[in-house]
Amino acid sequence: MLATEPEGAHAVAAFDGHELIAAGLVAPDPARRLGAWRVRGMATKAAARGRGAGTAVLAALVDHARAAGARSVWCNVRTPARSLYERAGFRTISDEFELPSIGPHFVMELTLAKSAHNRGGDSRYGPTKDATGGPTGQSRRGD
């Protein structure tokens, strides 16, 4: 997926041992206002949901966008995942809509404060990996 994303896209993944359990991408969105970034491709394996991996990946993506100067982060959110984004401070800015073959979604947005920095994640997690293998945030370790 990273190859089809805009220039400057950043990927983050969470692992349980050697198993990839969650991933996402964030990139500048030149089609929106200056400083807007978009989260795409967020996914967590069904068996890993509710354990914090998605929360950790989202936090690392937002932290990366903030560090790169983003003023806001937005995304199309599947209706069942809406609470994950709300807990991260995102607000709903659209009515529910249907994406063909994918299901119901909302557009959500997080406005970034200039003084905010690295929200990190839960202390039970170890470092996530960016697309180059470097540490970026937090991810779930094996139980």
N, C-alpha and C. Protein backbone atom coordinates (compact mmCIF):
# COMPACT_ATOMS: atom_id res chain seq x y z
N MET A 1 0.81 -1.20 0.00
CA MET A 1 0.00 0.00 0.00
C MET A 1 0.86 1.27 0.00
N LEU A 2 1.99 1.24 0.68
CA LEU A 2 2.81 2.44 0.80
C LEU A 2 3.22 2.97 -0.58
N ALA A 3 3.43 2.09 -1.53
CA ALA A 3 3.85 2.52 -2.86
C ALA A 3 2.79 3.34 -3.57
N THR A 4 1.52 3.18 -3.23
CA THR A 4 0.44 3.91 -3.88
C THR A 4 0.03 5.16 -3.10
N GLU A 5 0.66 5.42 -1.99
CA GLU A 5 0.33 6.58 -1.17
C GLU A 5 1.09 7.81 -1.66
N PRO A 6 0.63 9.01 -1.26
CA PRO A 6 1.32 10.23 -1.68
C PRO A 6 2.72 10.31 -1.09
N GLU A 7 3.55 11.17 -1.69
CA GLU A 7 4.90 11.39 -1.19
C GLU A 7 4.82 11.83 0.27
N GLY A 8 5.70 11.31 1.09
CA GLY A 8 5.72 11.66 2.51
C GLY A 8 4.88 10.74 3.38
N ALA A 9 4.27 9.70 2.79
CA ALA A 9 3.46 8.76 3.57
C ALA A 9 4.35 8.03 4.58
N HIS A 10 3.77 7.74 5.72
CA HIS A 10 4.48 7.08 6.82
C HIS A 10 3.63 5.91 7.30
N ALA A 11 4.23 4.73 7.36
CA ALA A 11 3.52 3.53 7.80
C ALA A 11 3.98 3.12 9.19
N VAL A 12 3.04 2.62 9.99
CA VAL A 12 3.35 2.12 11.33
C VAL A 12 2.67 0.76 11.48
N ALA A 13 3.35 -0.17 12.15
CA ALA A 13 2.81 -1.50 12.37
C ALA A 13 3.01 -1.91 13.83
N ALA A 14 2.09 -2.70 14.34
CA ALA A 14 2.21 -3.27 15.68
C ALA A 14 2.31 -4.79 15.55
N PHE A 15 3.14 -5.38 16.37
CA PHE A 15 3.39 -6.81 16.32
C PHE A 15 3.13 -7.43 17.68
N ASP A 16 2.67 -8.66 17.67
CA ASP A 16 2.58 -9.50 18.86
C ASP A 16 3.62 -10.58 18.62
N GLY A 17 4.79 -10.42 19.22
CA GLY A 17 5.91 -11.29 18.87
C GLY A 17 6.33 -10.97 17.45
N HIS A 18 6.27 -11.96 16.56
CA HIS A 18 6.61 -11.75 15.15
C HIS A 18 5.37 -11.59 14.28
N GLU A 19 4.20 -11.64 14.88
CA GLU A 19 2.95 -11.55 14.10
C GLU A 19 2.49 -10.10 13.96
N LEU A 20 2.29 -9.67 12.73
CA LEU A 20 1.73 -8.35 12.45
C LEU A 20 0.26 -8.37 12.86
N ILE A 21 -0.14 -7.46 13.78
CA ILE A 21 -1.52 -7.46 14.24
C ILE A 21 -2.26 -6.16 13.94
N ALA A 22 -1.54 -5.08 13.66
CA ALA A 22 -2.20 -3.82 13.33
C ALA A 22 -1.26 -2.96 12.49
N ALA A 23 -1.85 -2.14 11.63
CA ALA A 23 -1.04 -1.27 10.79
C ALA A 23 -1.87 -0.09 10.33
N GLY A 24 -1.19 0.96 9.89
CA GLY A 24 -1.86 2.14 9.35
C GLY A 24 -0.86 3.03 8.65
N LEU A 25 -1.38 3.99 7.90
CA LEU A 25 -0.57 4.95 7.15
C LEU A 25 -1.09 6.35 7.43
N VAL A 26 -0.19 7.32 7.36
CA VAL A 26 -0.58 8.72 7.44
C VAL A 26 0.26 9.48 6.42
N ALA A 27 -0.37 10.47 5.78
CA ALA A 27 0.34 11.24 4.76
C ALA A 27 -0.28 12.62 4.64
N PRO A 28 0.52 13.59 4.18
CA PRO A 28 -0.06 14.90 3.88
C PRO A 28 -1.15 14.75 2.83
N ASP A 29 -2.19 15.56 2.95
CA ASP A 29 -3.30 15.51 2.00
C ASP A 29 -3.39 16.84 1.27
N PRO A 30 -2.72 16.97 0.13
CA PRO A 30 -2.71 18.24 -0.58
C PRO A 30 -4.07 18.65 -1.13
N ALA A 31 -5.02 17.73 -1.21
CA ALA A 31 -6.35 18.05 -1.72
C ALA A 31 -7.18 18.83 -0.68
N ARG A 32 -6.78 18.78 0.57
CA ARG A 32 -7.48 19.51 1.62
C ARG A 32 -6.68 20.75 1.97
N ARG A 33 -7.10 21.44 2.99
CA ARG A 33 -6.42 22.69 3.38
C ARG A 33 -4.98 22.42 3.83
N LEU A 34 -4.18 23.47 3.81
CA LEU A 34 -2.78 23.39 4.20
C LEU A 34 -2.64 22.80 5.60
N GLY A 35 -1.75 21.86 5.76
CA GLY A 35 -1.49 21.26 7.06
C GLY A 35 -2.37 20.08 7.41
N ALA A 36 -3.25 19.67 6.48
CA ALA A 36 -4.12 18.51 6.73
C ALA A 36 -3.39 17.23 6.32
N TRP A 37 -3.47 16.23 7.18
CA TRP A 37 -2.92 14.91 6.90
C TRP A 37 -4.06 13.91 6.98
N ARG A 38 -3.92 12.78 6.29
CA ARG A 38 -4.97 11.76 6.27
C ARG A 38 -4.43 10.41 6.74
N VAL A 39 -5.17 9.77 7.63
CA VAL A 39 -4.89 8.40 8.06
C VAL A 39 -5.63 7.48 7.09
N ARG A 40 -4.92 6.47 6.60
CA ARG A 40 -5.51 5.48 5.69
C ARG A 40 -5.02 4.09 6.05
N GLY A 41 -5.77 3.11 5.61
CA GLY A 41 -5.33 1.73 5.73
C GLY A 41 -5.24 1.21 7.15
N MET A 42 -5.90 1.86 8.10
CA MET A 42 -5.88 1.36 9.48
C MET A 42 -6.57 0.00 9.53
N ALA A 43 -5.91 -0.97 10.11
CA ALA A 43 -6.48 -2.30 10.25
C ALA A 43 -5.86 -3.00 11.44
N THR A 44 -6.69 -3.75 12.14
CA THR A 44 -6.24 -4.59 13.25
C THR A 44 -6.86 -5.97 13.06
N LYS A 45 -6.05 -7.01 13.19
CA LYS A 45 -6.59 -8.36 13.08
C LYS A 45 -7.70 -8.54 14.10
N ALA A 46 -8.75 -9.23 13.70
CA ALA A 46 -9.94 -9.39 14.55
C ALA A 46 -9.57 -9.95 15.93
N ALA A 47 -8.70 -10.94 15.98
CA ALA A 47 -8.33 -11.56 17.26
C ALA A 47 -7.56 -10.62 18.17
N ALA A 48 -6.98 -9.56 17.62
CA ALA A 48 -6.18 -8.62 18.41
C ALA A 48 -6.97 -7.38 18.83
N ARG A 49 -8.18 -7.22 18.36
CA ARG A 49 -8.96 -6.02 18.67
C ARG A 49 -9.28 -5.96 20.15
N GLY A 50 -9.29 -4.73 20.66
CA GLY A 50 -9.61 -4.52 22.07
C GLY A 50 -8.42 -4.69 22.99
N ARG A 51 -7.23 -4.91 22.44
CA ARG A 51 -6.03 -5.11 23.25
C ARG A 51 -5.08 -3.91 23.19
N GLY A 52 -5.44 -2.86 22.44
CA GLY A 52 -4.65 -1.65 22.42
C GLY A 52 -3.73 -1.46 21.24
N ALA A 53 -3.63 -2.44 20.35
CA ALA A 53 -2.72 -2.31 19.21
C ALA A 53 -3.17 -1.20 18.26
N GLY A 54 -4.46 -1.13 17.96
CA GLY A 54 -4.97 -0.08 17.09
C GLY A 54 -4.78 1.30 17.71
N THR A 55 -5.01 1.40 19.00
CA THR A 55 -4.80 2.65 19.72
C THR A 55 -3.34 3.09 19.62
N ALA A 56 -2.43 2.15 19.78
CA ALA A 56 -1.00 2.46 19.71
C ALA A 56 -0.59 2.89 18.31
N VAL A 57 -1.08 2.21 17.29
CA VAL A 57 -0.75 2.58 15.90
C VAL A 57 -1.30 3.97 15.60
N LEU A 58 -2.56 4.22 15.96
CA LEU A 58 -3.15 5.54 15.70
C LEU A 58 -2.37 6.64 16.42
N ALA A 59 -1.98 6.41 17.66
CA ALA A 59 -1.20 7.41 18.40
C ALA A 59 0.13 7.68 17.71
N ALA A 60 0.79 6.65 17.21
CA ALA A 60 2.07 6.83 16.52
C ALA A 60 1.88 7.59 15.21
N LEU A 61 0.80 7.33 14.49
CA LEU A 61 0.52 8.04 13.25
C LEU A 61 0.26 9.52 13.52
N VAL A 62 -0.55 9.81 14.53
CA VAL A 62 -0.84 11.20 14.89
C VAL A 62 0.43 11.90 15.36
N ASP A 63 1.23 11.23 16.17
CA ASP A 63 2.49 11.81 16.64
C ASP A 63 3.41 12.15 15.47
N HIS A 64 3.47 11.25 14.48
CA HIS A 64 4.31 11.51 13.30
C HIS A 64 3.81 12.74 12.54
N ALA A 65 2.51 12.80 12.30
CA ALA A 65 1.94 13.94 11.58
C ALA A 65 2.19 15.24 12.34
N ARG A 66 2.00 15.20 13.65
CA ARG A 66 2.24 16.39 14.49
C ARG A 66 3.69 16.83 14.38
N ALA A 67 4.61 15.90 14.48
CA ALA A 67 6.04 16.22 14.41
C ALA A 67 6.43 16.78 13.04
N ALA A 68 5.68 16.40 12.01
CA ALA A 68 5.95 16.88 10.66
C ALA A 68 5.24 18.21 10.36
N GLY A 69 4.55 18.75 11.37
CA GLY A 69 3.92 20.05 11.21
C GLY A 69 2.45 20.04 10.84
N ALA A 70 1.80 18.89 10.92
CA ALA A 70 0.37 18.82 10.60
C ALA A 70 -0.44 19.70 11.54
N ARG A 71 -1.47 20.30 11.00
CA ARG A 71 -2.41 21.09 11.80
C ARG A 71 -3.65 20.29 12.15
N SER A 72 -3.94 19.28 11.32
CA SER A 72 -5.08 18.41 11.57
C SER A 72 -4.83 17.06 10.92
N VAL A 73 -5.55 16.05 11.40
CA VAL A 73 -5.51 14.71 10.85
C VAL A 73 -6.95 14.28 10.64
N TRP A 74 -7.26 13.72 9.49
CA TRP A 74 -8.63 13.28 9.22
C TRP A 74 -8.60 11.88 8.62
N CYS A 75 -9.76 11.24 8.59
CA CYS A 75 -9.87 9.90 8.02
C CYS A 75 -11.33 9.51 7.83
N ASN A 76 -11.55 8.55 6.94
CA ASN A 76 -12.84 7.87 6.83
C ASN A 76 -12.78 6.70 7.80
N VAL A 77 -13.72 6.66 8.74
CA VAL A 77 -13.69 5.67 9.82
C VAL A 77 -14.87 4.72 9.68
N ARG A 78 -14.58 3.44 9.70
CA ARG A 78 -15.67 2.46 9.72
C ARG A 78 -16.50 2.68 10.98
N THR A 79 -17.80 2.61 10.82
CA THR A 79 -18.71 2.87 11.94
C THR A 79 -18.35 2.08 13.19
N PRO A 80 -18.03 0.78 13.11
CA PRO A 80 -17.70 0.04 14.34
C PRO A 80 -16.42 0.53 15.03
N ALA A 81 -15.54 1.23 14.31
CA ALA A 81 -14.27 1.70 14.90
C ALA A 81 -14.37 3.14 15.40
N ARG A 82 -15.52 3.74 15.31
CA ARG A 82 -15.68 5.15 15.67
C ARG A 82 -15.20 5.46 17.09
N SER A 83 -15.47 4.59 18.04
CA SER A 83 -15.08 4.87 19.44
C SER A 83 -13.57 4.91 19.62
N LEU A 84 -12.81 4.14 18.84
CA LEU A 84 -11.35 4.18 18.89
C LEU A 84 -10.86 5.60 18.59
N TYR A 85 -11.40 6.19 17.55
CA TYR A 85 -11.00 7.53 17.14
C TYR A 85 -11.50 8.59 18.12
N GLU A 86 -12.69 8.41 18.65
CA GLU A 86 -13.22 9.35 19.64
C GLU A 86 -12.32 9.37 20.88
N ARG A 87 -11.87 8.20 21.33
CA ARG A 87 -10.96 8.15 22.49
C ARG A 87 -9.65 8.86 22.20
N ALA A 88 -9.25 8.93 20.93
CA ALA A 88 -8.01 9.61 20.55
C ALA A 88 -8.24 11.11 20.33
N GLY A 89 -9.46 11.59 20.51
CA GLY A 89 -9.76 13.01 20.39
C GLY A 89 -10.34 13.44 19.06
N PHE A 90 -10.55 12.51 18.14
CA PHE A 90 -11.16 12.84 16.86
C PHE A 90 -12.63 13.18 17.07
N ARG A 91 -13.16 14.05 16.20
CA ARG A 91 -14.59 14.37 16.25
C ARG A 91 -15.21 14.05 14.89
N THR A 92 -16.45 13.66 14.90
CA THR A 92 -17.18 13.32 13.69
C THR A 92 -17.56 14.60 12.96
N ILE A 93 -17.26 14.66 11.65
CA ILE A 93 -17.58 15.86 10.88
C ILE A 93 -18.46 15.56 9.67
N SER A 94 -19.07 14.38 9.64
CA SER A 94 -19.98 14.04 8.53
C SER A 94 -21.12 13.19 9.05
N ASP A 95 -22.12 13.06 8.23
CA ASP A 95 -23.15 12.06 8.48
C ASP A 95 -22.58 10.71 8.08
N GLU A 96 -23.22 9.65 8.53
CA GLU A 96 -22.78 8.31 8.13
C GLU A 96 -23.02 8.14 6.63
N PHE A 97 -22.07 7.48 5.96
CA PHE A 97 -22.19 7.21 4.53
C PHE A 97 -21.67 5.81 4.25
N GLU A 98 -22.06 5.28 3.12
CA GLU A 98 -21.70 3.91 2.72
C GLU A 98 -20.61 3.94 1.66
N LEU A 99 -19.54 3.21 1.90
CA LEU A 99 -18.53 2.99 0.86
C LEU A 99 -18.82 1.62 0.24
N PRO A 100 -19.04 1.56 -1.06
CA PRO A 100 -19.39 0.30 -1.71
C PRO A 100 -18.40 -0.82 -1.38
N SER A 101 -18.91 -1.97 -1.07
CA SER A 101 -18.13 -3.17 -0.75
C SER A 101 -17.33 -3.07 0.54
N ILE A 102 -17.46 -1.94 1.27
CA ILE A 102 -16.71 -1.80 2.52
C ILE A 102 -17.65 -1.63 3.70
N GLY A 103 -18.67 -0.80 3.55
CA GLY A 103 -19.64 -0.62 4.63
C GLY A 103 -19.77 0.82 5.09
N PRO A 104 -20.51 1.02 6.20
CA PRO A 104 -20.79 2.36 6.69
C PRO A 104 -19.57 3.02 7.33
N HIS A 105 -19.44 4.34 7.08
CA HIS A 105 -18.31 5.14 7.55
C HIS A 105 -18.76 6.51 8.01
N PHE A 106 -17.87 7.19 8.72
CA PHE A 106 -17.98 8.60 9.07
C PHE A 106 -16.65 9.25 8.72
N VAL A 107 -16.66 10.54 8.42
CA VAL A 107 -15.42 11.30 8.32
C VAL A 107 -15.17 11.87 9.71
N MET A 108 -13.94 11.69 10.20
CA MET A 108 -13.57 12.19 11.52
C MET A 108 -12.29 13.00 11.39
N GLU A 109 -12.12 13.97 12.31
CA GLU A 109 -10.96 14.86 12.24
C GLU A 109 -10.45 15.17 13.65
N LEU A 110 -9.15 15.32 13.73
CA LEU A 110 -8.48 15.73 14.97
C LEU A 110 -7.70 17.01 14.66
N THR A 111 -8.01 18.08 15.39
CA THR A 111 -7.24 19.32 15.27
C THR A 111 -6.07 19.22 16.23
N LEU A 112 -4.88 19.48 15.73
CA LEU A 112 -3.68 19.33 16.54
C LEU A 112 -3.28 20.65 17.17
N ALA A 113 -3.05 20.63 18.47
CA ALA A 113 -2.59 21.81 19.19
C ALA A 113 -1.08 21.94 18.98
N LYS A 114 -0.62 23.15 18.83
CA LYS A 114 0.82 23.38 18.61
C LYS A 114 1.66 22.89 19.78
N SER A 115 1.15 22.98 21.00
CA SER A 115 1.96 22.63 22.17
C SER A 115 1.91 21.15 22.50
N ALA A 116 0.98 20.41 21.89
CA ALA A 116 0.88 18.98 22.20
C ALA A 116 2.07 18.26 21.60
N HIS A 117 2.50 17.21 22.27
CA HIS A 117 3.59 16.40 21.74
C HIS A 117 3.46 14.98 22.24
N ASN A 118 4.08 14.06 21.56
CA ASN A 118 4.12 12.63 21.81
C ASN A 118 3.23 12.14 22.93
N ARG A 119 2.02 11.77 22.55
CA ARG A 119 1.06 11.23 23.50
C ARG A 119 1.45 9.83 23.93
N GLY A 120 2.28 9.18 23.12
CA GLY A 120 2.75 7.84 23.46
C GLY A 120 1.61 6.84 23.53
N GLY A 121 1.77 5.84 24.33
CA GLY A 121 0.77 4.81 24.46
C GLY A 121 0.83 4.22 25.84
N ASP A 122 0.15 3.14 26.00
CA ASP A 122 0.08 2.43 27.26
C ASP A 122 1.44 1.83 27.60
N SER A 123 1.85 1.89 28.85
CA SER A 123 3.17 1.39 29.25
C SER A 123 3.32 -0.12 29.08
N ARG A 124 2.23 -0.83 28.83
CA ARG A 124 2.30 -2.27 28.61
C ARG A 124 2.83 -2.61 27.23
N TYR A 125 3.08 -1.60 26.40
CA TYR A 125 3.44 -1.82 25.01
C TYR A 125 4.88 -1.47 24.75
N GLY A 126 5.45 -2.12 23.77
CA GLY A 126 6.80 -1.82 23.33
C GLY A 126 6.74 -0.96 22.08
N PRO A 127 7.89 -0.65 21.50
CA PRO A 127 7.91 0.25 20.35
C PRO A 127 7.23 -0.35 19.13
N THR A 128 6.49 0.48 18.40
CA THR A 128 5.97 0.09 17.09
C THR A 128 7.09 0.27 16.09
N LYS A 129 6.88 -0.14 14.87
CA LYS A 129 7.89 0.01 13.82
C LYS A 129 7.31 0.85 12.71
N ASP A 130 8.13 1.77 12.19
CA ASP A 130 7.70 2.50 11.01
C ASP A 130 8.11 1.68 9.79
N ALA A 131 7.87 2.20 8.60
CA ALA A 131 8.13 1.45 7.38
C ALA A 131 9.60 1.10 7.20
N THR A 132 10.49 1.82 7.88
CA THR A 132 11.92 1.53 7.77
C THR A 132 12.43 0.69 8.93
N GLY A 133 11.54 0.32 9.85
CA GLY A 133 11.94 -0.53 10.97
C GLY A 133 12.35 0.24 12.20
N GLY A 134 12.27 1.55 12.19
CA GLY A 134 12.65 2.35 13.35
C GLY A 134 11.51 2.48 14.34
N PRO A 135 11.82 2.74 15.62
CA PRO A 135 10.76 2.88 16.62
C PRO A 135 9.99 4.18 16.40
N THR A 136 8.66 4.16 16.64
CA THR A 136 7.86 5.37 16.46
C THR A 136 6.86 5.61 17.58
N GLY A 137 6.39 4.62 18.24
CA GLY A 137 5.32 4.82 19.22
C GLY A 137 5.22 3.65 20.15
N GLN A 138 4.05 3.07 20.24
CA GLN A 138 3.84 1.96 21.16
C GLN A 138 3.07 0.85 20.46
N SER A 139 3.31 -0.40 20.83
CA SER A 139 2.54 -1.51 20.30
C SER A 139 2.46 -2.61 21.35
N ARG A 140 1.52 -3.49 21.20
CA ARG A 140 1.28 -4.56 22.16
C ARG A 140 2.38 -5.61 22.05
N ARG A 141 2.90 -6.02 23.17
CA ARG A 141 3.85 -7.13 23.21
C ARG A 141 3.08 -8.41 23.47
N GLY A 142 3.70 -9.54 23.24
CA GLY A 142 3.04 -10.83 23.49
C GLY A 142 2.61 -10.95 24.93
N ASP A 143 1.47 -11.61 25.16
CA ASP A 143 0.93 -11.77 26.52
C ASP A 143 1.71 -12.77 27.33
